Amino acid sequence: MEDSSEPCTTSKRQARAARKDATVGAIKKKIEKHFALPEGSIVIVDVDGRAIRNDARIATVRKRWEEG
């Protein structure tokens, strides 16, 4: 069994597109864990460069970038 405190480096689990109903906060945590980054090091921004709230959905982020 894989130790959850270690970053994922196996080829079985690869980076993939985020589900549209996932929250920004959940995706940020997954990225930080996968790449062994410190908490708070990932910031997802909108077209204007402003940080997007953690409770926003990925669908909202994509929509803002498409409308750009």
PDB file of N, CA and C in Angstrom:
ATOM      1  N   MET A   1       0.833  -1.188   0.000  1.00  0.00           N
ATOM      2  CA  MET A   1       0.000   0.000   0.000  1.00  0.00           C
ATOM      3  C   MET A   1       0.874   1.245   0.000  1.00  0.00           C
ATOM      4  N   GLU A   2       0.475   2.249  -0.733  1.00  0.00           N
ATOM      5  CA  GLU A   2       1.243   3.470  -0.881  1.00  0.00           C
ATOM      6  C   GLU A   2       1.070   4.382   0.334  1.00  0.00           C
ATOM      7  N   ASP A   3       2.175   4.961   0.799  1.00  0.00           N
ATOM      8  CA  ASP A   3       2.136   5.890   1.924  1.00  0.00           C
ATOM      9  C   ASP A   3       1.553   7.216   1.447  1.00  0.00           C
ATOM     10  N   SER A   4       0.473   7.676   2.076  1.00  0.00           N
ATOM     11  CA  SER A   4      -0.217   8.883   1.618  1.00  0.00           C
ATOM     12  C   SER A   4       0.573  10.161   1.858  1.00  0.00           C
ATOM     13  N   SER A   5       1.611  10.111   2.683  1.00  0.00           N
ATOM     14  CA  SER A   5       2.398  11.314   2.937  1.00  0.00           C
ATOM     15  C   SER A   5       3.451  11.541   1.856  1.00  0.00           C
ATOM     16  N   GLU A   6       3.709  10.537   1.040  1.00  0.00           N
ATOM     17  CA  GLU A   6       4.687  10.659  -0.029  1.00  0.00           C
ATOM     18  C   GLU A   6       4.007  11.174  -1.288  1.00  0.00           C
ATOM     19  N   PRO A   7       4.705  11.971  -2.087  1.00  0.00           N
ATOM     20  CA  PRO A   7       4.112  12.429  -3.336  1.00  0.00           C
ATOM     21  C   PRO A   7       3.932  11.266  -4.304  1.00  0.00           C
ATOM     22  N   CYS A   8       2.935  11.329  -5.129  1.00  0.00           N
ATOM     23  CA  CYS A   8       2.645  10.283  -6.093  1.00  0.00           C
ATOM     24  C   CYS A   8       3.638  10.367  -7.244  1.00  0.00           C
ATOM     25  N   THR A   9       4.409   9.327  -7.451  1.00  0.00           N
ATOM     26  CA  THR A   9       5.374   9.320  -8.544  1.00  0.00           C
ATOM     27  C   THR A   9       5.211   8.108  -9.440  1.00  0.00           C
ATOM     28  N   THR A  10       4.244   7.258  -9.162  1.00  0.00           N
ATOM     29  CA  THR A  10       4.065   6.061  -9.967  1.00  0.00           C
ATOM     30  C   THR A  10       3.418   6.409 -11.292  1.00  0.00           C
ATOM     31  N   SER A  11       3.681   5.585 -12.295  1.00  0.00           N
ATOM     32  CA  SER A  11       3.130   5.845 -13.619  1.00  0.00           C
ATOM     33  C   SER A  11       1.637   5.540 -13.679  1.00  0.00           C
ATOM     34  N   LYS A  12       1.108   4.774 -12.717  1.00  0.00           N
ATOM     35  CA  LYS A  12      -0.316   4.453 -12.704  1.00  0.00           C
ATOM     36  C   LYS A  12      -1.167   5.697 -12.526  1.00  0.00           C
ATOM     37  N   ARG A  13      -0.682   6.635 -11.733  1.00  0.00           N
ATOM     38  CA  ARG A  13      -1.455   7.852 -11.459  1.00  0.00           C
ATOM     39  C   ARG A  13      -0.789   9.021 -12.157  1.00  0.00           C
ATOM     40  N   GLN A  14      -1.421   9.498 -13.177  1.00  0.00           N
ATOM     41  CA  GLN A  14      -0.849  10.604 -13.926  1.00  0.00           C
ATOM     42  C   GLN A  14      -1.771  11.803 -13.831  1.00  0.00           C
ATOM     43  N   ALA A  15      -1.180  12.969 -14.045  1.00  0.00           N
ATOM     44  CA  ALA A  15      -1.977  14.198 -14.009  1.00  0.00           C
ATOM     45  C   ALA A  15      -3.026  14.136 -15.105  1.00  0.00           C
ATOM     46  N   ARG A  16      -4.219  14.617 -14.791  1.00  0.00           N
ATOM     47  CA  ARG A  16      -5.311  14.633 -15.760  1.00  0.00           C
ATOM     48  C   ARG A  16      -6.153  15.875 -15.526  1.00  0.00           C
ATOM     49  N   ALA A  17      -7.040  16.126 -16.444  1.00  0.00           N
ATOM     50  CA  ALA A  17      -7.895  17.303 -16.338  1.00  0.00           C
ATOM     51  C   ALA A  17      -8.793  17.198 -15.111  1.00  0.00           C
ATOM     52  N   ALA A  18      -9.015  18.321 -14.476  1.00  0.00           N
ATOM     53  CA  ALA A  18      -9.869  18.367 -13.290  1.00  0.00           C
ATOM     54  C   ALA A  18     -11.331  18.267 -13.697  1.00  0.00           C
ATOM     55  N   ARG A  19     -12.117  17.597 -12.888  1.00  0.00           N
ATOM     56  CA  ARG A  19     -13.558  17.521 -13.131  1.00  0.00           C
ATOM     57  C   ARG A  19     -14.166  18.911 -12.992  1.00  0.00           C
ATOM     58  N   LYS A  20     -15.186  19.187 -13.758  1.00  0.00           N
ATOM     59  CA  LYS A  20     -15.783  20.520 -13.720  1.00  0.00           C
ATOM     60  C   LYS A  20     -16.497  20.814 -12.414  1.00  0.00           C
ATOM     61  N   ASP A  21     -16.912  19.772 -11.666  1.00  0.00           N
ATOM     62  CA  ASP A  21     -17.601  20.011 -10.398  1.00  0.00           C
ATOM     63  C   ASP A  21     -16.651  20.011  -9.193  1.00  0.00           C
ATOM     64  N   ALA A  22     -15.353  19.861  -9.441  1.00  0.00           N
ATOM     65  CA  ALA A  22     -14.369  19.915  -8.355  1.00  0.00           C
ATOM     66  C   ALA A  22     -14.154  21.369  -7.932  1.00  0.00           C
ATOM     67  N   THR A  23     -13.775  21.555  -6.673  1.00  0.00           N
ATOM     68  CA  THR A  23     -13.495  22.918  -6.207  1.00  0.00           C
ATOM     69  C   THR A  23     -12.037  23.274  -6.468  1.00  0.00           C
ATOM     70  N   VAL A  24     -11.787  24.552  -6.559  1.00  0.00           N
ATOM     71  CA  VAL A  24     -10.428  25.047  -6.752  1.00  0.00           C
ATOM     72  C   VAL A  24      -9.539  24.599  -5.595  1.00  0.00           C
ATOM     73  N   GLY A  25     -10.060  24.664  -4.373  1.00  0.00           N
ATOM     74  CA  GLY A  25      -9.282  24.264  -3.198  1.00  0.00           C
ATOM     75  C   GLY A  25      -8.853  22.809  -3.251  1.00  0.00           C
ATOM     76  N   ALA A  26      -9.756  21.932  -3.685  1.00  0.00           N
ATOM     77  CA  ALA A  26      -9.430  20.503  -3.777  1.00  0.00           C
ATOM     78  C   ALA A  26      -8.352  20.251  -4.824  1.00  0.00           C
ATOM     79  N   ILE A  27      -8.440  20.924  -5.947  1.00  0.00           N
ATOM     80  CA  ILE A  27      -7.454  20.754  -7.013  1.00  0.00           C
ATOM     81  C   ILE A  27      -6.092  21.291  -6.573  1.00  0.00           C
ATOM     82  N   LYS A  28      -6.090  22.425  -5.886  1.00  0.00           N
ATOM     83  CA  LYS A  28      -4.832  22.977  -5.385  1.00  0.00           C
ATOM     84  C   LYS A  28      -4.146  21.992  -4.440  1.00  0.00           C
ATOM     85  N   LYS A  29      -4.917  21.383  -3.551  1.00  0.00           N
ATOM     86  CA  LYS A  29      -4.352  20.410  -2.614  1.00  0.00           C
ATOM     87  C   LYS A  29      -3.778  19.208  -3.340  1.00  0.00           C
ATOM     88  N   LYS A  30      -4.477  18.738  -4.366  1.00  0.00           N
ATOM     89  CA  LYS A  30      -3.984  17.588  -5.133  1.00  0.00           C
ATOM     90  C   LYS A  30      -2.684  17.915  -5.848  1.00  0.00           C
ATOM     91  N   ILE A  31      -2.595  19.103  -6.426  1.00  0.00           N
ATOM     92  CA  ILE A  31      -1.372  19.514  -7.114  1.00  0.00           C
ATOM     93  C   ILE A  31      -0.219  19.603  -6.126  1.00  0.00           C
ATOM     94  N   GLU A  32      -0.463  20.225  -4.962  1.00  0.00           N
ATOM     95  CA  GLU A  32       0.580  20.358  -3.943  1.00  0.00           C
ATOM     96  C   GLU A  32       1.065  18.990  -3.474  1.00  0.00           C
ATOM     97  N   LYS A  33       0.146  18.071  -3.271  1.00  0.00           N
ATOM     98  CA  LYS A  33       0.525  16.737  -2.809  1.00  0.00           C
ATOM     99  C   LYS A  33       1.289  15.982  -3.892  1.00  0.00           C
ATOM    100  N   HIS A  34       0.793  16.028  -5.117  1.00  0.00           N
ATOM    101  CA  HIS A  34       1.401  15.286  -6.218  1.00  0.00           C
ATOM    102  C   HIS A  34       2.841  15.724  -6.473  1.00  0.00           C
ATOM    103  N   PHE A  35       3.092  17.023  -6.404  1.00  0.00           N
ATOM    104  CA  PHE A  35       4.414  17.553  -6.677  1.00  0.00           C
ATOM    105  C   PHE A  35       5.214  17.868  -5.416  1.00  0.00           C
ATOM    106  N   ALA A  36       4.719  17.448  -4.262  1.00  0.00           N
ATOM    107  CA  ALA A  36       5.388  17.650  -2.969  1.00  0.00           C
ATOM    108  C   ALA A  36       5.721  19.125  -2.732  1.00  0.00           C
ATOM    109  N   LEU A  37       4.757  19.988  -2.982  1.00  0.00           N
ATOM    110  CA  LEU A  37       4.935  21.423  -2.780  1.00  0.00           C
ATOM    111  C   LEU A  37       4.385  21.821  -1.418  1.00  0.00           C
ATOM    112  N   PRO A  38       4.899  22.889  -0.847  1.00  0.00           N
ATOM    113  CA  PRO A  38       4.372  23.351   0.438  1.00  0.00           C
ATOM    114  C   PRO A  38       2.944  23.880   0.296  1.00  0.00           C
ATOM    115  N   GLU A  39       2.184  23.755   1.357  1.00  0.00           N
ATOM    116  CA  GLU A  39       0.806  24.231   1.369  1.00  0.00           C
ATOM    117  C   GLU A  39       0.763  25.724   1.075  1.00  0.00           C
ATOM    118  N   GLY A  40      -0.145  26.105   0.205  1.00  0.00           N
ATOM    119  CA  GLY A  40      -0.288  27.517  -0.144  1.00  0.00           C
ATOM    120  C   GLY A  40       0.586  27.971  -1.298  1.00  0.00           C
ATOM    121  N   SER A  41       1.350  27.071  -1.887  1.00  0.00           N
ATOM    122  CA  SER A  41       2.254  27.469  -2.963  1.00  0.00           C
ATOM    123  C   SER A  41       1.568  27.551  -4.322  1.00  0.00           C
ATOM    124  N   ILE A  42       0.378  26.988  -4.440  1.00  0.00           N
ATOM    125  CA  ILE A  42      -0.370  27.024  -5.692  1.00  0.00           C
ATOM    126  C   ILE A  42      -1.443  28.108  -5.600  1.00  0.00           C
ATOM    127  N   VAL A  43      -1.511  28.944  -6.633  1.00  0.00           N
ATOM    128  CA  VAL A  43      -2.550  29.964  -6.719  1.00  0.00           C
ATOM    129  C   VAL A  43      -3.164  29.859  -8.107  1.00  0.00           C
ATOM    130  N   ILE A  44      -4.464  29.642  -8.155  1.00  0.00           N
ATOM    131  CA  ILE A  44      -5.177  29.585  -9.427  1.00  0.00           C
ATOM    132  C   ILE A  44      -5.833  30.940  -9.626  1.00  0.00           C
ATOM    133  N   VAL A  45      -5.574  31.539 -10.781  1.00  0.00           N
ATOM    134  CA  VAL A  45      -6.012  32.911 -11.024  1.00  0.00           C
ATOM    135  C   VAL A  45      -6.992  32.992 -12.187  1.00  0.00           C
ATOM    136  N   ASP A  46      -7.735  34.117 -12.231  1.00  0.00           N
ATOM    137  CA  ASP A  46      -8.613  34.364 -13.368  1.00  0.00           C
ATOM    138  C   ASP A  46      -7.853  35.168 -14.422  1.00  0.00           C
ATOM    139  N   VAL A  47      -8.525  35.576 -15.458  1.00  0.00           N
ATOM    140  CA  VAL A  47      -7.896  36.275 -16.572  1.00  0.00           C
ATOM    141  C   VAL A  47      -7.204  37.560 -16.120  1.00  0.00           C
ATOM    142  N   ASP A  48      -7.769  38.228 -15.118  1.00  0.00           N
ATOM    143  CA  ASP A  48      -7.205  39.485 -14.619  1.00  0.00           C
ATOM    144  C   ASP A  48      -6.025  39.287 -13.670  1.00  0.00           C
ATOM    145  N   GLY A  49      -5.686  38.041 -13.370  1.00  0.00           N
ATOM    146  CA  GLY A  49      -4.565  37.759 -12.475  1.00  0.00           C
ATOM    147  C   GLY A  49      -4.954  37.713 -11.008  1.00  0.00           C
ATOM    148  N   ARG A  50      -6.250  37.812 -10.722  1.00  0.00           N
ATOM    149  CA  ARG A  50      -6.708  37.750  -9.330  1.00  0.00           C
ATOM    150  C   ARG A  50      -6.898  36.301  -8.915  1.00  0.00           C
ATOM    151  N   ALA A  51      -6.549  35.995  -7.683  1.00  0.00           N
ATOM    152  CA  ALA A  51      -6.707  34.639  -7.160  1.00  0.00           C
ATOM    153  C   ALA A  51      -8.182  34.273  -7.090  1.00  0.00           C
ATOM    154  N   ILE A  52      -8.486  33.046  -7.458  1.00  0.00           N
ATOM    155  CA  ILE A  52      -9.859  32.552  -7.410  1.00  0.00           C
ATOM    156  C   ILE A  52     -10.085  31.899  -6.052  1.00  0.00           C
ATOM    157  N   ARG A  53     -11.258  32.115  -5.492  1.00  0.00           N
ATOM    158  CA  ARG A  53     -11.592  31.560  -4.172  1.00  0.00           C
ATOM    159  C   ARG A  53     -11.536  30.042  -4.189  1.00  0.00           C
ATOM    160  N   ASN A  54     -11.199  29.451  -3.048  1.00  0.00           N
ATOM    161  CA  ASN A  54     -11.097  27.998  -2.934  1.00  0.00           C
ATOM    162  C   ASN A  54     -12.426  27.278  -3.108  1.00  0.00           C
ATOM    163  N   ASP A  55     -13.541  27.966  -2.844  1.00  0.00           N
ATOM    164  CA  ASP A  55     -14.838  27.298  -2.969  1.00  0.00           C
ATOM    165  C   ASP A  55     -15.431  27.410  -4.379  1.00  0.00           C
ATOM    166  N   ALA A  56     -14.740  28.070  -5.294  1.00  0.00           N
ATOM    167  CA  ALA A  56     -15.212  28.168  -6.671  1.00  0.00           C
ATOM    168  C   ALA A  56     -15.044  26.822  -7.374  1.00  0.00           C
ATOM    169  N   ARG A  57     -15.892  26.561  -8.326  1.00  0.00           N
ATOM    170  CA  ARG A  57     -15.827  25.316  -9.102  1.00  0.00           C
ATOM    171  C   ARG A  57     -14.913  25.494 -10.311  1.00  0.00           C
ATOM    172  N   ILE A  58     -14.310  24.403 -10.741  1.00  0.00           N
ATOM    173  CA  ILE A  58     -13.430  24.424 -11.902  1.00  0.00           C
ATOM    174  C   ILE A  58     -14.195  24.883 -13.146  1.00  0.00           C
ATOM    175  N   ALA A  59     -15.478  24.535 -13.246  1.00  0.00           N
ATOM    176  CA  ALA A  59     -16.293  24.988 -14.383  1.00  0.00           C
ATOM    177  C   ALA A  59     -16.316  26.509 -14.453  1.00  0.00           C
ATOM    178  N   THR A  60     -16.361  27.165 -13.315  1.00  0.00           N
ATOM    179  CA  THR A  60     -16.361  28.630 -13.267  1.00  0.00           C
ATOM    180  C   THR A  60     -15.033  29.183 -13.773  1.00  0.00           C
ATOM    181  N   VAL A  61     -13.939  28.554 -13.363  1.00  0.00           N
ATOM    182  CA  VAL A  61     -12.603  28.992 -13.796  1.00  0.00           C
ATOM    183  C   VAL A  61     -12.489  28.868 -15.315  1.00  0.00           C
ATOM    184  N   ARG A  62     -12.890  27.721 -15.843  1.00  0.00           N
ATOM    185  CA  ARG A  62     -12.821  27.510 -17.297  1.00  0.00           C
ATOM    186  C   ARG A  62     -13.678  28.532 -18.045  1.00  0.00           C
ATOM    187  N   LYS A  63     -14.868  28.798 -17.535  1.00  0.00           N
ATOM    188  CA  LYS A  63     -15.775  29.756 -18.171  1.00  0.00           C
ATOM    189  C   LYS A  63     -15.148  31.148 -18.212  1.00  0.00           C
ATOM    190  N   ARG A  64     -14.551  31.566 -17.098  1.00  0.00           N
ATOM    191  CA  ARG A  64     -13.915  32.894 -17.059  1.00  0.00           C
ATOM    192  C   ARG A  64     -12.783  32.988 -18.053  1.00  0.00           C
ATOM    193  N   TRP A  65     -11.979  31.928 -18.187  1.00  0.00           N
ATOM    194  CA  TRP A  65     -10.858  31.949 -19.118  1.00  0.00           C
ATOM    195  C   TRP A  65     -11.327  31.907 -20.565  1.00  0.00           C
ATOM    196  N   GLU A  66     -12.416  31.193 -20.846  1.00  0.00           N
ATOM    197  CA  GLU A  66     -12.940  31.144 -22.212  1.00  0.00           C
ATOM    198  C   GLU A  66     -13.522  32.484 -22.621  1.00  0.00           C
ATOM    199  N   GLU A  67     -14.165  33.175 -21.684  1.00  0.00           N
ATOM    200  CA  GLU A  67     -14.748  34.482 -21.977  1.00  0.00           C
ATOM    201  C   GLU A  67     -13.683  35.553 -22.088  1.00  0.00           C
ATOM    202  N   GLY A  68     -12.566  35.315 -21.370  1.00  0.00           N
ATOM    203  CA  GLY A  68     -11.382  36.123 -21.322  1.00  0.00           C
ATOM    204  C   GLY A  68     -11.440  37.506 -21.679  1.00  0.00           C
TER     205      GLY A  68
END
